[in-house]
């Protein structure tokens, strides 16, 4: 998404549809009505802000890591 120049305005777990099959995870991004489009890739500072928002959402919605383990959170938040 970021490499394609799309910046999600409200990146949080409610706006992701996550599925897995064995070792593979698939993520579909929802609610792009307020997305910002860039000419080229999204700048690094914007990416970090987007992923930080997603990490806060994961901590808030799954504080005990019952659904997202440390590895899954790292994949979702590019950390």
Protein backbone atom coordinates (compact mmCIF):
# COMPACT_ATOMS: atom_id res chain seq x y z
CA UNK A 1 0.00 0.00 0.00
CA UNK A 2 2.68 2.48 1.03
CA UNK A 3 4.95 1.51 -1.85
CA UNK A 4 2.03 2.20 -4.23
CA UNK A 5 1.57 5.70 -2.76
CA UNK A 6 -1.55 5.05 -0.67
CA UNK A 7 -1.72 6.48 2.86
CA UNK A 8 -4.64 5.19 4.92
CA UNK A 9 -6.15 7.97 7.04
CA UNK A 10 -7.38 5.65 9.81
CA UNK A 11 -5.23 2.53 9.84
CA UNK A 12 -6.45 0.39 12.75
CA UNK A 13 -7.49 -3.21 13.33
CA UNK A 14 -11.13 -2.42 12.60
CA UNK A 15 -10.08 -1.53 9.05
CA UNK A 16 -8.20 -4.75 8.38
CA UNK A 17 -9.59 -8.12 7.42
CA UNK A 18 -6.95 -10.65 8.45
CA UNK A 19 -6.95 -14.29 7.52
CA UNK A 20 -4.41 -17.04 7.78
CA UNK A 21 -3.84 -20.45 6.37
CA UNK A 22 -1.05 -22.35 8.04
CA UNK A 23 2.03 -20.13 8.04
CA UNK A 24 0.58 -17.60 5.58
CA UNK A 25 -1.24 -14.41 6.59
CA UNK A 26 -3.44 -12.38 4.25
CA UNK A 27 -4.56 -8.82 5.01
CA UNK A 28 -7.25 -6.87 3.16
CA UNK A 29 -7.35 -3.14 3.88
CA UNK A 30 -10.82 -1.62 4.29
CA UNK A 31 -12.31 1.88 4.51
CA UNK A 32 -10.12 3.82 2.12
CA UNK A 33 -12.58 6.69 1.67
CA UNK A 34 -10.23 9.20 3.34
CA UNK A 35 -7.00 7.78 1.94
CA UNK A 36 -4.35 10.17 0.70
CA UNK A 37 -2.63 9.41 -2.61
CA UNK A 38 1.01 10.30 -3.19
CA UNK A 39 2.94 10.58 -6.44
CA UNK A 40 5.28 7.70 -5.66
CA UNK A 41 5.82 5.89 -2.39
CA UNK A 42 4.49 7.24 0.92
CA UNK A 43 7.31 9.07 2.75
CA UNK A 44 8.97 7.20 5.65
CA UNK A 45 7.65 9.55 8.37
CA UNK A 46 4.07 9.02 7.18
CA UNK A 47 4.61 5.26 7.09
CA UNK A 48 5.93 5.25 10.66
CA UNK A 49 2.92 7.26 11.83
CA UNK A 50 0.55 4.86 10.05
CA UNK A 51 2.18 1.79 11.60
CA UNK A 52 2.33 3.43 15.04
CA UNK A 53 -1.43 4.01 14.85
CA UNK A 54 -1.95 0.38 13.90
CA UNK A 55 0.25 -0.77 16.79
CA UNK A 56 -1.77 1.35 19.26
CA UNK A 57 -4.95 -0.19 17.89
CA UNK A 58 -3.57 -3.71 18.36
CA UNK A 59 -2.55 -2.97 21.96
CA UNK A 60 -5.95 -1.44 22.68
CA UNK A 61 -8.08 -4.16 21.08
CA UNK A 62 -5.92 -7.15 22.04
CA UNK A 63 -4.02 -6.10 25.19
CA UNK A 64 -3.39 -9.70 26.27
CA UNK A 65 -2.18 -10.85 22.82
CA UNK A 66 -4.88 -13.50 22.67
CA UNK A 67 -5.31 -13.12 18.91
CA UNK A 68 -2.14 -11.42 17.72
CA UNK A 69 1.10 -12.82 19.06
CA UNK A 70 4.34 -10.84 18.99
CA UNK A 71 5.27 -12.15 15.54
CA UNK A 72 1.86 -11.24 14.06
CA UNK A 73 2.01 -7.73 15.54
CA UNK A 74 5.49 -7.23 14.10
CA UNK A 75 4.28 -8.27 10.66
CA UNK A 76 1.22 -5.99 10.79
CA UNK A 77 3.14 -2.99 12.07
CA UNK A 78 6.31 -3.50 10.00
CA UNK A 79 8.43 -3.44 13.14
